[in-house]
Structures are given as C-alpha cells and as structure tokens.
N, C-alpha and C. Protein backbone atom coordinates (compact mmCIF):
# COMPACT_ATOMS: atom_id res chain seq x y z
N MET A 1 57.49 44.64 -35.25
CA MET A 1 56.14 43.73 -34.20
C MET A 1 56.57 43.41 -33.44
N ALA A 2 56.23 43.29 -32.26
CA ALA A 2 56.32 43.05 -31.05
C ALA A 2 56.07 42.13 -31.23
N GLN A 3 56.18 40.97 -30.35
CA GLN A 3 55.64 39.54 -30.43
C GLN A 3 54.97 39.71 -28.74
N ALA A 4 53.89 38.69 -29.23
CA ALA A 4 52.77 38.57 -27.80
C ALA A 4 53.90 37.68 -26.21
N PRO A 5 54.13 38.31 -25.62
CA PRO A 5 54.43 37.83 -24.26
C PRO A 5 54.85 35.56 -24.03
N LEU A 6 55.31 35.57 -23.70
CA LEU A 6 55.84 34.20 -23.75
C LEU A 6 54.87 33.43 -22.90
N SER A 7 54.11 33.85 -21.29
CA SER A 7 52.80 33.38 -20.62
C SER A 7 51.93 33.26 -21.03
N ALA A 8 51.46 34.77 -22.89
CA ALA A 8 50.12 34.55 -23.24
C ALA A 8 50.51 33.15 -24.42
N VAL A 9 51.24 33.53 -25.19
CA VAL A 9 51.69 31.74 -26.30
C VAL A 9 51.62 31.10 -25.64
N GLY A 10 52.03 30.81 -24.10
CA GLY A 10 51.85 29.49 -23.94
C GLY A 10 50.13 29.29 -23.11
N PHE A 11 49.30 30.02 -22.96
CA PHE A 11 48.08 29.76 -22.34
C PHE A 11 47.65 29.46 -22.97
N HIS A 12 47.69 29.64 -24.39
CA HIS A 12 46.32 29.25 -26.00
C HIS A 12 47.07 28.36 -26.28
N ALA A 13 48.18 27.74 -26.66
CA ALA A 13 49.21 26.67 -26.83
C ALA A 13 48.04 25.99 -26.51
N GLN A 14 48.49 25.70 -24.81
CA GLN A 14 48.01 24.74 -23.02
C GLN A 14 46.33 24.31 -24.24
N GLN A 15 45.66 25.54 -23.73
CA GLN A 15 44.22 25.51 -24.67
C GLN A 15 44.08 24.55 -26.20
N ALA A 16 45.06 25.45 -26.30
CA ALA A 16 44.69 24.21 -28.28
C ALA A 16 44.86 22.82 -28.03
N VAL A 17 46.12 22.44 -26.69
CA VAL A 17 46.14 20.50 -27.14
C VAL A 17 44.78 20.09 -25.87
N GLU A 18 45.27 21.29 -24.95
CA GLU A 18 44.13 20.13 -23.78
C GLU A 18 42.50 20.13 -25.24
N LYS A 19 42.46 20.94 -26.03
CA LYS A 19 41.24 20.71 -25.82
C LYS A 19 41.47 19.40 -28.08
N ALA A 20 42.17 19.07 -27.79
CA ALA A 20 43.00 18.56 -28.59
C ALA A 20 42.74 16.65 -27.87
N LEU A 21 43.28 16.99 -27.12
CA LEU A 21 43.30 15.63 -26.28
C LEU A 21 42.44 15.49 -26.16
N LYS A 22 41.30 16.69 -25.68
CA LYS A 22 39.14 16.43 -25.06
C LYS A 22 39.50 16.17 -26.47
N ALA A 23 39.17 16.56 -27.61
CA ALA A 23 38.84 15.74 -29.15
C ALA A 23 38.79 14.12 -29.51
N VAL A 24 40.44 13.56 -28.60
CA VAL A 24 40.28 12.08 -29.07
C VAL A 24 39.65 11.61 -28.45
N SER A 25 39.66 11.34 -26.90
CA SER A 25 38.85 10.99 -25.84
C SER A 25 37.92 10.82 -26.04
N ALA A 26 37.37 12.48 -26.21
CA ALA A 26 35.57 12.04 -26.83
C ALA A 26 35.49 11.33 -28.29
N LEU A 27 36.02 10.82 -29.30
CA LEU A 27 36.26 10.37 -29.76
C LEU A 27 36.08 8.60 -29.40
N HIS A 28 36.76 8.83 -29.05
CA HIS A 28 37.13 6.91 -28.99
C HIS A 28 36.62 6.99 -27.89
N GLU A 29 35.91 7.99 -27.19
CA GLU A 29 34.83 7.66 -25.36
C GLU A 29 35.47 6.99 -24.93
N ILE A 30 36.77 7.97 -24.65
CA ILE A 30 37.08 7.60 -23.03
C ILE A 30 36.88 9.12 -22.27
N GLU A 31 36.25 8.45 -21.42
CA GLU A 31 36.41 9.38 -19.96
C GLU A 31 37.30 9.62 -19.37
N THR A 32 37.38 10.83 -19.04
CA THR A 32 38.53 11.78 -18.44
C THR A 32 38.29 12.77 -17.27
N ARG A 33 38.30 12.96 -16.50
CA ARG A 33 37.97 13.89 -15.17
C ARG A 33 37.53 15.17 -15.58
N ARG A 34 37.13 16.30 -15.59
CA ARG A 34 37.15 17.47 -15.58
C ARG A 34 38.55 17.82 -15.40
N THR A 35 40.11 18.71 -15.50
CA THR A 35 40.67 18.65 -15.07
C THR A 35 41.88 19.26 -16.74
N HIS A 36 42.80 19.89 -16.56
CA HIS A 36 43.41 21.43 -17.51
C HIS A 36 45.02 20.31 -17.46
N ASP A 37 44.93 19.27 -16.60
CA ASP A 37 46.39 18.72 -17.15
C ASP A 37 46.48 17.48 -18.17
N LEU A 38 47.74 18.04 -18.75
CA LEU A 38 47.95 17.41 -20.18
C LEU A 38 48.19 16.44 -19.83
N VAL A 39 49.09 15.69 -19.01
CA VAL A 39 49.26 14.50 -18.97
C VAL A 39 48.87 13.81 -18.13
N ALA A 40 47.82 13.73 -17.99
CA ALA A 40 46.47 13.22 -17.31
C ALA A 40 45.32 12.81 -18.31
N LEU A 41 45.35 13.75 -19.34
CA LEU A 41 44.64 14.05 -19.97
C LEU A 41 45.41 12.41 -21.09
N ALA A 42 46.14 12.74 -21.54
CA ALA A 42 47.17 11.96 -22.50
C ALA A 42 47.67 10.64 -22.13
N GLN A 43 47.94 10.81 -20.84
CA GLN A 43 47.99 9.71 -19.67
C GLN A 43 46.39 8.69 -20.09
N ALA A 44 44.87 8.80 -19.75
CA ALA A 44 44.02 8.55 -20.42
C ALA A 44 44.02 7.75 -21.27
N LEU A 45 44.36 8.54 -22.80
CA LEU A 45 44.92 7.79 -23.86
C LEU A 45 45.33 6.69 -23.84
N LEU A 46 46.68 6.36 -23.02
CA LEU A 46 47.46 5.70 -22.91
C LEU A 46 46.31 4.38 -22.55
N ASP A 47 46.60 4.89 -21.42
CA ASP A 47 45.52 3.63 -20.51
C ASP A 47 44.46 2.84 -22.20
N ALA A 48 44.06 3.37 -22.67
CA ALA A 48 42.92 2.94 -23.44
C ALA A 48 43.64 2.12 -24.86
N GLY A 49 44.77 2.35 -24.42
CA GLY A 49 45.34 1.40 -25.44
C GLY A 49 45.40 2.81 -26.81
N CYS A 50 45.74 3.56 -27.03
CA CYS A 50 45.54 5.06 -27.58
C CYS A 50 46.79 5.45 -27.97
N ALA A 51 48.20 5.56 -28.83
CA ALA A 51 49.33 5.63 -29.19
C ALA A 51 49.71 6.66 -28.94
N VAL A 52 50.05 6.82 -28.24
CA VAL A 52 50.15 9.55 -28.87
C VAL A 52 51.58 8.97 -29.34
N PRO A 53 51.75 10.38 -29.86
CA PRO A 53 53.45 10.43 -30.35
C PRO A 53 54.30 11.60 -30.07
N PHE A 54 54.23 11.87 -29.07
CA PHE A 54 54.87 13.05 -28.18
C PHE A 54 55.20 12.01 -26.79
N GLU A 55 55.98 13.31 -26.06
CA GLU A 55 55.82 12.49 -24.73
C GLU A 55 55.92 13.36 -24.16
N LEU A 56 55.23 12.88 -22.99
CA LEU A 56 54.61 13.65 -21.43
C LEU A 56 54.99 14.19 -21.58
N GLU A 57 56.42 14.56 -21.14
CA GLU A 57 56.81 15.02 -20.74
C GLU A 57 57.02 17.22 -21.02
N SER A 58 56.38 16.65 -22.30
CA SER A 58 56.03 18.06 -23.49
C SER A 58 55.09 18.56 -22.80
N LEU A 59 54.05 17.19 -22.75
CA LEU A 59 52.85 18.10 -22.37
C LEU A 59 53.07 18.94 -20.52
N ARG A 60 53.43 18.20 -20.10
CA ARG A 60 54.34 18.66 -18.75
C ARG A 60 55.00 20.21 -18.18
N ARG A 61 55.13 20.57 -19.59
CA ARG A 61 55.59 21.81 -19.53
C ARG A 61 55.32 22.69 -20.19
N LEU A 62 53.48 22.45 -20.36
CA LEU A 62 52.06 22.87 -20.33
C LEU A 62 51.45 23.82 -19.86
N ASN A 63 51.44 22.33 -18.05
CA ASN A 63 50.63 21.94 -17.92
C ASN A 63 50.63 23.63 -16.82
N PRO A 64 51.33 24.89 -16.71
CA PRO A 64 51.57 25.44 -15.50
C PRO A 64 50.99 26.87 -16.41
N PHE A 65 50.80 26.82 -17.33
CA PHE A 65 50.13 28.43 -18.29
C PHE A 65 49.47 27.90 -17.99
N ALA A 66 48.27 26.98 -18.28
CA ALA A 66 46.30 26.49 -17.48
C ALA A 66 45.76 27.05 -16.53
N VAL A 67 47.17 27.65 -15.52
CA VAL A 67 46.32 27.61 -13.74
C VAL A 67 47.02 28.85 -13.90
N GLU A 68 48.33 28.84 -12.92
CA GLU A 68 49.59 28.91 -12.18
C GLU A 68 49.82 30.59 -13.54
N MET A 69 50.13 30.46 -14.88
CA MET A 69 50.26 31.60 -14.93
C MET A 69 48.93 32.79 -14.76
N ARG A 70 47.28 32.08 -15.16
CA ARG A 70 47.04 32.51 -14.45
C ARG A 70 46.06 33.90 -12.74
N TYR A 71 46.29 33.02 -11.81
CA TYR A 71 45.81 32.81 -10.36
C TYR A 71 47.61 32.54 -9.60
N GLU A 72 48.44 32.67 -10.33
CA GLU A 72 49.81 32.80 -9.48
C GLU A 72 50.77 34.13 -9.66
N GLU A 73 51.77 34.54 -8.59
CA GLU A 73 52.38 35.98 -8.85
C GLU A 73 53.28 35.60 -9.38
N GLU A 74 53.80 34.76 -9.15
CA GLU A 74 55.29 34.37 -9.70
C GLU A 74 55.05 32.89 -10.09
N PHE A 75 55.78 33.11 -12.02
CA PHE A 75 55.46 31.76 -12.50
C PHE A 75 56.50 31.82 -13.18
N GLU A 76 57.33 30.57 -12.61
CA GLU A 76 58.40 30.17 -13.44
C GLU A 76 58.20 29.84 -15.24
N LEU A 77 58.95 30.03 -16.20
CA LEU A 77 58.60 29.87 -17.70
C LEU A 77 59.03 28.73 -17.64
N VAL A 78 58.66 27.36 -17.68
CA VAL A 78 59.68 26.77 -18.12
C VAL A 78 59.30 25.73 -19.54
N THR A 79 59.80 26.08 -20.52
CA THR A 79 59.63 26.85 -22.18
C THR A 79 59.91 27.49 -22.45
N SER A 80 60.53 27.24 -24.33
CA SER A 80 60.26 27.55 -25.05
C SER A 80 59.15 28.30 -26.15
N ARG A 81 59.36 29.39 -26.68
CA ARG A 81 58.24 29.53 -27.63
C ARG A 81 58.82 28.56 -29.20
N GLN A 82 59.59 28.10 -29.43
CA GLN A 82 60.66 27.17 -30.08
C GLN A 82 58.86 25.47 -29.55
N GLU A 83 60.54 25.67 -28.31
CA GLU A 83 59.03 24.52 -28.02
C GLU A 83 57.56 24.16 -28.40
N LEU A 84 56.97 25.61 -27.56
CA LEU A 84 55.89 25.23 -27.93
C LEU A 84 55.40 25.53 -29.13
N THR A 85 56.05 25.91 -30.27
CA THR A 85 55.16 25.22 -31.26
C THR A 85 55.46 24.23 -31.88
N GLU A 86 56.96 23.75 -31.27
CA GLU A 86 56.44 21.81 -31.59
C GLU A 86 55.36 21.36 -31.42
N THR A 87 55.32 21.57 -29.88
CA THR A 87 54.57 20.72 -29.20
C THR A 87 52.88 20.49 -29.52
N VAL A 88 52.75 22.31 -29.85
CA VAL A 88 50.97 21.78 -30.53
C VAL A 88 51.07 21.68 -31.51
N GLN A 89 51.93 22.27 -32.63
CA GLN A 89 52.30 21.64 -34.41
C GLN A 89 52.52 19.66 -34.12
N SER A 90 52.77 19.73 -33.03
CA SER A 90 53.12 17.74 -33.17
C SER A 90 51.38 17.18 -32.96
N VAL A 91 50.53 17.83 -31.93
CA VAL A 91 49.30 17.37 -30.98
C VAL A 91 48.34 17.93 -32.12
N LEU A 92 48.64 18.77 -32.36
CA LEU A 92 47.55 18.78 -33.63
C LEU A 92 46.91 18.17 -34.51
N ALA A 93 48.33 18.41 -35.65
CA ALA A 93 48.43 17.70 -36.37
C ALA A 93 48.19 15.98 -35.78
N TRP A 94 47.92 15.37 -34.90
CA TRP A 94 47.50 14.21 -35.04
C TRP A 94 46.63 13.93 -34.37
N ALA A 95 45.83 14.82 -33.35
CA ALA A 95 45.11 14.58 -33.24
C ALA A 95 43.97 14.62 -34.63
N GLU A 96 44.28 15.86 -35.61
CA GLU A 96 44.31 15.69 -37.16
C GLU A 96 43.42 14.43 -38.75
N TYR A 97 44.43 13.57 -38.09
CA TYR A 97 44.46 12.60 -38.35
C TYR A 97 43.78 12.10 -37.81
N ILE A 98 43.41 11.15 -36.57
CA ILE A 98 43.16 10.37 -36.50
C ILE A 98 41.39 11.18 -36.26
N ILE A 99 41.17 12.08 -35.94
CA ILE A 99 40.00 12.79 -36.17
C ILE A 99 39.64 12.27 -38.38
N PHE A 100 40.18 12.38 -38.85
CA PHE A 100 40.09 12.73 -40.35
C PHE A 100 40.04 11.09 -40.13
N ASN A 101 40.71 10.45 -40.75
CA ASN A 101 40.72 8.86 -40.27
C ASN A 101 38.93 8.46 -39.98
N SER A 102 38.83 8.30 -38.67
CA SER A 102 37.36 8.08 -38.06
C SER A 102 36.49 8.38 -38.80
N ALA A 103 36.23 10.13 -39.13
CA ALA A 103 35.26 10.53 -39.91
C ALA A 103 35.17 9.72 -41.53
N SER A 104 36.70 9.19 -42.22
CA SER A 104 35.97 9.17 -43.49
C SER A 104 36.10 7.65 -43.43
N GLY A 105 36.06 6.33 -41.99
CA GLY A 105 35.57 5.31 -42.11
C GLY A 105 37.28 5.01 -41.80
N ARG A 106 38.45 4.72 -42.02
CA ARG A 106 40.15 3.76 -41.50
C ARG A 106 39.61 4.08 -41.20
N ALA A 107 40.06 3.47 -39.85
CA ALA A 107 41.04 2.73 -38.77
C ALA A 107 42.18 4.20 -37.91
N PRO A 108 41.32 4.62 -36.79
CA PRO A 108 42.57 5.29 -36.69
C PRO A 108 43.32 4.62 -35.75
N THR A 109 45.45 5.74 -35.68
CA THR A 109 45.35 4.07 -35.50
C THR A 109 45.80 5.21 -33.45
C-alpha cells in the first residue's frame, strides 16, 4: 500500500490542530483573529491563562502546511511523519479533555 505524500498528511494535520485550538478558544470565549497560524492561536490561549501541554515549536513546524504547501512552488518540509502524528495526537487529546470536562461540568485546566 502506498503512503500519502507527507505534504498531504501535513496539510490535514495542520487543519486538525487548527480546528482543535479554535474549538478550545471558542469554548473559553477567547477571541482570535482569522488565521491559520497555529502559534498565534496557541498564544491567544496562553495569554488568556489556558495552559497548553505542547511546545509552540511543534506547532510552528505545522504552519507551512496551511498556506505555503498549497500556494508556493518550492516548499521545504521541516518535520517528519512521526512528529506530525505525535503533535496531532497531543493537541487532539488535550482539546478532547478540555471539551469533555467542560461539557460534564468539571472545571477544565
């Protein structure tokens, strides 16, 4: 079975992380600007006092997949399939925890 190109996997990874960050921001009523910049989205959460259990650098490496991959002819991949997987799993697990605990009446962290 052939593997999907890393550029395609990265695009979908970036989108998943972006939507998770925006979901947690919306849940906490944190206003964010319209952006695909994952670091800016995470920074808005941090500025509002919401802890994030992942490094901003891992998000920075996903950012190029949102725009550059689609619109620029030359695109340098700066991450691996393994790192993409780990970042997405970390962010989605965190967002799920925050959203579930908020929906169940528990105080999210």
